[in-house]
Amino acid sequence: MEDQQTVHLVRRCLAGDSSAWEELVRLHTRRVYNLCYRFTNSAEDAQDLTQDVFIRVYRTLAGYDVSKGAFTTWLTTLTRNLLVDHFRRSKQDRITDSIDAGWRDQEDSPSIGDRLEASGPTPDERLAGKEAQKLVQQALARISPELREAVILRDLQDFDYKEIAQILRVPEGTVKSRINRGRMELARLLSRNKKQAGND
């Protein structure tokens, strides 16, 4: 169920309330930035794209229909479409570096590792976790964009299958298949990396 605060903010924005627009942007900037960063692996590109997303949201907000789905799903769809355009424009074949690199330098963008640290692991556990995280990030960067986006939306952004199907505009079965294939590909790459590390 859509957060009633967001629905109320959207209605106030449509009525011309500028403070509601500022609050809506504040509430959703981090999610949009994180998604852009995970796909571009560039803080600068992620900032520019986040700005572009909110410009597009501002221009098209009147087209958002509360009855057709959650605002976050609509916003993520819009973000994803902009990322696809960016991906095509930049003609990248692969996003090669870590999806999480540099997040420790960004105050408002905690990494997966930061979230895990809240439970209080020892320094040794933290170091092992960072190594594992680095391997996962490297493997994630090597899988195809269609598998990567499905895995990111499900495992890192916590969207459910139905929402992901809406965002990607594919059937739920395709979403499940891409997530499964993406996870299997990640496991294969991680296993190979582990074997290579063991042989060093």
C-alpha atoms as a PDB file:
ATOM      1  CA  MET A   1       0.000   0.000   0.000  1.00  0.00           C
ATOM      2  CA  GLU A   2       1.365   3.417  -0.989  1.00  0.00           C
ATOM      3  CA  ASP A   3       2.573   5.584   1.852  1.00  0.00           C
ATOM      4  CA  GLN A   4      -0.276   8.010   2.580  1.00  0.00           C
ATOM      5  CA  GLN A   5       2.248  10.793   3.229  1.00  0.00           C
ATOM      6  CA  THR A   6       3.539  10.431  -0.347  1.00  0.00           C
ATOM      7  CA  VAL A   7       0.024  10.390  -1.825  1.00  0.00           C
ATOM      8  CA  HIS A   8      -0.806  13.540   0.149  1.00  0.00           C
ATOM      9  CA  LEU A   9       2.440  15.220  -1.000  1.00  0.00           C
ATOM     10  CA  VAL A  10       1.735  14.368  -4.643  1.00  0.00           C
ATOM     11  CA  ARG A  11      -1.744  15.896  -4.380  1.00  0.00           C
ATOM     12  CA  ARG A  12      -0.293  19.041  -2.763  1.00  0.00           C
ATOM     13  CA  CYS A  13       2.369  19.250  -5.509  1.00  0.00           C
ATOM     14  CA  LEU A  14      -0.298  19.041  -8.188  1.00  0.00           C
ATOM     15  CA  ALA A  15      -2.133  21.860  -6.414  1.00  0.00           C
ATOM     16  CA  GLY A  16       1.020  23.995  -6.745  1.00  0.00           C
ATOM     17  CA  ASP A  17       2.457  23.681  -3.226  1.00  0.00           C
ATOM     18  CA  SER A  18       6.242  24.217  -3.614  1.00  0.00           C
ATOM     19  CA  SER A  19       7.045  23.078  -0.064  1.00  0.00           C
ATOM     20  CA  ALA A  20       5.329  19.754  -0.840  1.00  0.00           C
ATOM     21  CA  TRP A  21       7.535  19.388  -3.939  1.00  0.00           C
ATOM     22  CA  GLU A  22      10.674  19.997  -1.836  1.00  0.00           C
ATOM     23  CA  GLU A  23       9.538  17.376   0.677  1.00  0.00           C
ATOM     24  CA  LEU A  24       8.733  14.840  -2.076  1.00  0.00           C
ATOM     25  CA  VAL A  25      12.207  15.334  -3.559  1.00  0.00           C
ATOM     26  CA  ARG A  26      13.828  15.065  -0.117  1.00  0.00           C
ATOM     27  CA  LEU A  27      11.978  11.801   0.630  1.00  0.00           C
ATOM     28  CA  HIS A  28      12.916  10.092  -2.642  1.00  0.00           C
ATOM     29  CA  THR A  29      16.299  11.543  -3.685  1.00  0.00           C
ATOM     30  CA  ARG A  30      18.360   8.922  -1.886  1.00  0.00           C
ATOM     31  CA  ARG A  31      16.521   5.987  -3.502  1.00  0.00           C
ATOM     32  CA  VAL A  32      16.841   7.517  -6.972  1.00  0.00           C
ATOM     33  CA  TYR A  33      20.505   8.452  -6.457  1.00  0.00           C
ATOM     34  CA  ASN A  34      21.371   4.960  -5.175  1.00  0.00           C
ATOM     35  CA  LEU A  35      19.678   3.327  -8.165  1.00  0.00           C
ATOM     36  CA  CYS A  36      21.456   5.666 -10.600  1.00  0.00           C
ATOM     37  CA  TYR A  37      24.781   5.081  -8.875  1.00  0.00           C
ATOM     38  CA  ARG A  38      24.416   1.293  -8.948  1.00  0.00           C
ATOM     39  CA  PHE A  39      23.823   1.384 -12.697  1.00  0.00           C
ATOM     40  CA  THR A  40      26.415   4.026 -13.673  1.00  0.00           C
ATOM     41  CA  ASN A  41      29.098   3.476 -11.011  1.00  0.00           C
ATOM     42  CA  SER A  42      29.790   7.211 -11.203  1.00  0.00           C
ATOM     43  CA  ALA A  43      28.893   9.675  -8.448  1.00  0.00           C
ATOM     44  CA  GLU A  44      28.916  12.534 -10.952  1.00  0.00           C
ATOM     45  CA  ASP A  45      26.653  10.721 -13.448  1.00  0.00           C
ATOM     46  CA  ALA A  46      24.361   9.601 -10.617  1.00  0.00           C
ATOM     47  CA  GLN A  47      23.971  13.202  -9.400  1.00  0.00           C
ATOM     48  CA  ASP A  48      23.240  14.460 -12.917  1.00  0.00           C
ATOM     49  CA  LEU A  49      20.788  11.635 -13.604  1.00  0.00           C
ATOM     50  CA  THR A  50      19.047  12.134 -10.248  1.00  0.00           C
ATOM     51  CA  GLN A  51      18.540  15.778 -11.179  1.00  0.00           C
ATOM     52  CA  ASP A  52      17.230  14.727 -14.609  1.00  0.00           C
ATOM     53  CA  VAL A  53      14.827  12.257 -12.979  1.00  0.00           C
ATOM     54  CA  PHE A  54      13.298  14.924 -10.760  1.00  0.00           C
ATOM     55  CA  ILE A  55      13.030  17.375 -13.654  1.00  0.00           C
ATOM     56  CA  ARG A  56      11.119  14.676 -15.534  1.00  0.00           C
ATOM     57  CA  VAL A  57       8.994  13.910 -12.456  1.00  0.00           C
ATOM     58  CA  TYR A  58       8.144  17.604 -12.130  1.00  0.00           C
ATOM     59  CA  ARG A  59       7.090  17.776 -15.783  1.00  0.00           C
ATOM     60  CA  THR A  60       5.073  14.548 -15.776  1.00  0.00           C
ATOM     61  CA  LEU A  61       3.672  14.395 -12.234  1.00  0.00           C
ATOM     62  CA  ALA A  62       0.196  15.270 -13.503  1.00  0.00           C
ATOM     63  CA  GLY A  63       0.285  11.977 -15.450  1.00  0.00           C
ATOM     64  CA  TYR A  64       0.826   9.909 -12.298  1.00  0.00           C
ATOM     65  CA  ASP A  65      -2.350   8.046 -11.327  1.00  0.00           C
ATOM     66  CA  VAL A  66      -2.516   6.958  -7.662  1.00  0.00           C
ATOM     67  CA  SER A  67      -5.042   4.236  -8.543  1.00  0.00           C
ATOM     68  CA  LYS A  68      -2.639   2.559 -11.004  1.00  0.00           C
ATOM     69  CA  GLY A  69       0.165   1.840  -8.551  1.00  0.00           C
ATOM     70  CA  ALA A  70       2.567   3.048  -5.918  1.00  0.00           C
ATOM     71  CA  PHE A  71       4.435   6.310  -6.442  1.00  0.00           C
ATOM     72  CA  THR A  72       7.775   4.562  -5.768  1.00  0.00           C
ATOM     73  CA  THR A  73       7.026   2.081  -8.571  1.00  0.00           C
ATOM     74  CA  TRP A  74       6.147   4.924 -10.966  1.00  0.00           C
ATOM     75  CA  LEU A  75       9.275   6.842  -9.898  1.00  0.00           C
ATOM     76  CA  THR A  76      11.512   3.776 -10.295  1.00  0.00           C
ATOM     77  CA  THR A  77      10.045   3.065 -13.745  1.00  0.00           C
ATOM     78  CA  LEU A  78      10.774   6.627 -14.777  1.00  0.00           C
ATOM     79  CA  THR A  79      14.308   6.368 -13.338  1.00  0.00           C
ATOM     80  CA  ARG A  80      14.925   3.050 -15.068  1.00  0.00           C
ATOM     81  CA  ASN A  81      13.778   4.470 -18.423  1.00  0.00           C
ATOM     82  CA  LEU A  82      16.145   7.401 -18.030  1.00  0.00           C
ATOM     83  CA  LEU A  83      18.981   4.998 -17.122  1.00  0.00           C
ATOM     84  CA  VAL A  84      18.269   2.911 -20.240  1.00  0.00           C
ATOM     85  CA  ASP A  85      18.466   6.106 -22.332  1.00  0.00           C
ATOM     86  CA  HIS A  86      21.736   7.036 -20.598  1.00  0.00           C
ATOM     87  CA  PHE A  87      23.097   3.519 -21.110  1.00  0.00           C
ATOM     88  CA  ARG A  88      22.326   3.664 -24.842  1.00  0.00           C
ATOM     89  CA  ARG A  89      23.735   7.180 -25.204  1.00  0.00           C
ATOM     90  CA  SER A  90      26.999   6.303 -23.494  1.00  0.00           C
ATOM     91  CA  LYS A  91      27.212   3.065 -25.537  1.00  0.00           C
ATOM     92  CA  GLN A  92      28.628   1.134 -22.614  1.00  0.00           C
ATOM     93  CA  ASP A  93      28.786  -2.617 -23.067  1.00  0.00           C
ATOM     94  CA  ARG A  94      29.314  -3.190 -19.358  1.00  0.00           C
ATOM     95  CA  ILE A  95      29.390  -1.319 -16.121  1.00  0.00           C
ATOM     96  CA  THR A  96      32.695  -2.546 -14.838  1.00  0.00           C
ATOM     97  CA  ASP A  97      33.437  -1.322 -11.354  1.00  0.00           C
ATOM     98  CA  SER A  98      31.865  -1.795  -7.957  1.00  0.00           C
ATOM     99  CA  ILE A  99      28.273  -0.677  -7.485  1.00  0.00           C
ATOM    100  CA  ASP A 100      29.135   0.350  -3.971  1.00  0.00           C
ATOM    101  CA  ALA A 101      32.548   2.039  -4.426  1.00  0.00           C
ATOM    102  CA  GLY A 102      32.763   5.490  -2.961  1.00  0.00           C
ATOM    103  CA  TRP A 103      29.548   5.261  -0.925  1.00  0.00           C
ATOM    104  CA  ARG A 104      31.502   5.634   2.301  1.00  0.00           C
ATOM    105  CA  ASP A 105      32.393   9.106   1.015  1.00  0.00           C
ATOM    106  CA  GLN A 106      28.723   9.939   0.511  1.00  0.00           C
ATOM    107  CA  GLU A 107      27.110  10.867   3.820  1.00  0.00           C
ATOM    108  CA  ASP A 108      23.565  10.104   2.717  1.00  0.00           C
ATOM    109  CA  SER A 109      24.340   6.868   0.882  1.00  0.00           C
ATOM    110  CA  PRO A 110      25.124   3.972   3.202  1.00  0.00           C
ATOM    111  CA  SER A 111      26.628   0.919   1.566  1.00  0.00           C
ATOM    112  CA  ILE A 112      25.386  -2.586   2.142  1.00  0.00           C
ATOM    113  CA  GLY A 113      28.412  -2.998   4.406  1.00  0.00           C
ATOM    114  CA  ASP A 114      27.393   0.042   6.465  1.00  0.00           C
ATOM    115  CA  ARG A 115      23.964  -1.464   7.021  1.00  0.00           C
ATOM    116  CA  LEU A 116      25.508  -4.750   8.109  1.00  0.00           C
ATOM    117  CA  GLU A 117      27.876  -2.960  10.513  1.00  0.00           C
ATOM    118  CA  ALA A 118      24.925  -1.722  12.545  1.00  0.00           C
ATOM    119  CA  SER A 119      24.718  -5.177  14.125  1.00  0.00           C
ATOM    120  CA  GLY A 120      28.218  -4.689  15.525  1.00  0.00           C
ATOM    121  CA  PRO A 121      30.625  -7.193  13.921  1.00  0.00           C
ATOM    122  CA  THR A 122      34.235  -7.384  15.037  1.00  0.00           C
ATOM    123  CA  PRO A 123      36.980  -5.701  12.955  1.00  0.00           C
ATOM    124  CA  ASP A 124      37.970  -9.124  11.541  1.00  0.00           C
ATOM    125  CA  GLU A 125      34.384  -9.837  10.541  1.00  0.00           C
ATOM    126  CA  ARG A 126      34.164  -6.382   8.980  1.00  0.00           C
ATOM    127  CA  LEU A 127      37.297  -6.991   6.929  1.00  0.00           C
ATOM    128  CA  ALA A 128      36.003 -10.384   5.744  1.00  0.00           C
ATOM    129  CA  GLY A 129      32.667  -8.735   4.929  1.00  0.00           C
ATOM    130  CA  LYS A 130      34.365  -6.026   2.872  1.00  0.00           C
ATOM    131  CA  GLU A 131      36.274  -8.649   0.904  1.00  0.00           C
ATOM    132  CA  ALA A 132      33.073 -10.629   0.254  1.00  0.00           C
ATOM    133  CA  GLN A 133      31.235  -7.441  -0.689  1.00  0.00           C
ATOM    134  CA  LYS A 134      33.986  -6.505  -3.144  1.00  0.00           C
ATOM    135  CA  LEU A 135      33.742  -9.924  -4.822  1.00  0.00           C
ATOM    136  CA  VAL A 136      29.938  -9.641  -5.093  1.00  0.00           C
ATOM    137  CA  GLN A 137      30.240  -6.165  -6.588  1.00  0.00           C
ATOM    138  CA  GLN A 138      32.798  -7.301  -9.154  1.00  0.00           C
ATOM    139  CA  ALA A 139      30.610 -10.270 -10.128  1.00  0.00           C
ATOM    140  CA  LEU A 140      27.477  -8.114 -10.341  1.00  0.00           C
ATOM    141  CA  ALA A 141      29.268  -5.720 -12.684  1.00  0.00           C
ATOM    142  CA  ARG A 142      30.047  -8.643 -15.035  1.00  0.00           C
ATOM    143  CA  ILE A 143      26.519  -9.990 -15.588  1.00  0.00           C
ATOM    144  CA  SER A 144      24.322  -8.712 -18.423  1.00  0.00           C
ATOM    145  CA  PRO A 145      22.424  -5.438 -17.865  1.00  0.00           C
ATOM    146  CA  GLU A 146      18.985  -7.134 -18.036  1.00  0.00           C
ATOM    147  CA  LEU A 147      19.940  -9.672 -15.332  1.00  0.00           C
ATOM    148  CA  ARG A 148      21.743  -7.029 -13.277  1.00  0.00           C
ATOM    149  CA  GLU A 149      18.756  -4.647 -13.219  1.00  0.00           C
ATOM    150  CA  ALA A 150      16.405  -7.437 -12.115  1.00  0.00           C
ATOM    151  CA  VAL A 151      18.761  -8.536  -9.311  1.00  0.00           C
ATOM    152  CA  ILE A 152      19.369  -4.931  -8.175  1.00  0.00           C
ATOM    153  CA  LEU A 153      15.640  -4.135  -8.065  1.00  0.00           C
ATOM    154  CA  ARG A 154      14.821  -7.330  -6.125  1.00  0.00           C
ATOM    155  CA  ASP A 155      17.803  -7.897  -3.838  1.00  0.00           C
ATOM    156  CA  LEU A 156      19.100  -4.359  -3.306  1.00  0.00           C
ATOM    157  CA  GLN A 157      16.028  -2.166  -3.787  1.00  0.00           C
ATOM    158  CA  ASP A 158      13.568  -4.649  -2.191  1.00  0.00           C
ATOM    159  CA  PHE A 159      10.858  -4.407  -4.840  1.00  0.00           C
ATOM    160  CA  ASP A 160       8.476  -7.358  -5.132  1.00  0.00           C
ATOM    161  CA  TYR A 161       8.045  -9.326  -8.389  1.00  0.00           C
ATOM    162  CA  LYS A 162       4.880  -7.503  -9.404  1.00  0.00           C
ATOM    163  CA  GLU A 163       6.493  -4.079  -8.959  1.00  0.00           C
ATOM    164  CA  ILE A 164       9.593  -5.164 -10.892  1.00  0.00           C
ATOM    165  CA  ALA A 165       7.378  -6.466 -13.715  1.00  0.00           C
ATOM    166  CA  GLN A 166       5.704  -3.052 -13.825  1.00  0.00           C
ATOM    167  CA  ILE A 167       9.035  -1.193 -13.815  1.00  0.00           C
ATOM    168  CA  LEU A 168      10.659  -3.370 -16.496  1.00  0.00           C
ATOM    169  CA  ARG A 169       7.418  -3.787 -18.482  1.00  0.00           C
ATOM    170  CA  VAL A 170       7.822  -7.552 -18.717  1.00  0.00           C
ATOM    171  CA  PRO A 171       5.684 -10.423 -17.356  1.00  0.00           C
ATOM    172  CA  GLU A 172       6.253 -11.560 -13.752  1.00  0.00           C
ATOM    173  CA  GLY A 173       7.508 -14.917 -15.028  1.00  0.00           C
ATOM    174  CA  THR A 174      10.239 -13.121 -16.995  1.00  0.00           C
ATOM    175  CA  VAL A 175      11.190 -11.166 -13.865  1.00  0.00           C
ATOM    176  CA  LYS A 176      11.504 -14.371 -11.823  1.00  0.00           C
ATOM    177  CA  SER A 177      13.516 -16.009 -14.598  1.00  0.00           C
ATOM    178  CA  ARG A 178      15.910 -13.038 -14.865  1.00  0.00           C
ATOM    179  CA  ILE A 179      16.391 -12.910 -11.095  1.00  0.00           C
ATOM    180  CA  ASN A 180      17.078 -16.651 -10.935  1.00  0.00           C
ATOM    181  CA  ARG A 181      19.462 -16.520 -13.896  1.00  0.00           C
ATOM    182  CA  GLY A 182      21.164 -13.436 -12.454  1.00  0.00           C
ATOM    183  CA  ARG A 183      21.622 -15.096  -9.067  1.00  0.00           C
ATOM    184  CA  MET A 184      22.963 -18.293 -10.680  1.00  0.00           C
ATOM    185  CA  GLU A 185      25.376 -16.286 -12.828  1.00  0.00           C
ATOM    186  CA  LEU A 186      26.536 -14.378  -9.727  1.00  0.00           C
ATOM    187  CA  ALA A 187      27.055 -17.643  -7.833  1.00  0.00           C
ATOM    188  CA  ARG A 188      29.056 -19.076 -10.752  1.00  0.00           C
ATOM    189  CA  LEU A 189      31.272 -15.970 -10.974  1.00  0.00           C
ATOM    190  CA  LEU A 190      31.763 -15.871  -7.198  1.00  0.00           C
ATOM    191  CA  SER A 191      32.693 -19.540  -7.139  1.00  0.00           C
ATOM    192  CA  ARG A 192      35.231 -19.014  -9.928  1.00  0.00           C
ATOM    193  CA  ASN A 193      36.671 -15.929  -8.157  1.00  0.00           C
ATOM    194  CA  LYS A 194      36.974 -17.913  -4.914  1.00  0.00           C
ATOM    195  CA  LYS A 195      38.846 -20.723  -6.699  1.00  0.00           C
ATOM    196  CA  GLN A 196      41.164 -18.222  -8.371  1.00  0.00           C
ATOM    197  CA  ALA A 197      41.835 -16.509  -5.023  1.00  0.00           C
ATOM    198  CA  GLY A 198      42.608 -19.905  -3.468  1.00  0.00           C
ATOM    199  CA  ASN A 199      45.170 -20.647  -6.205  1.00  0.00           C
ATOM    200  CA  ASP A 200      47.041 -17.359  -5.703  1.00  0.00           C
END
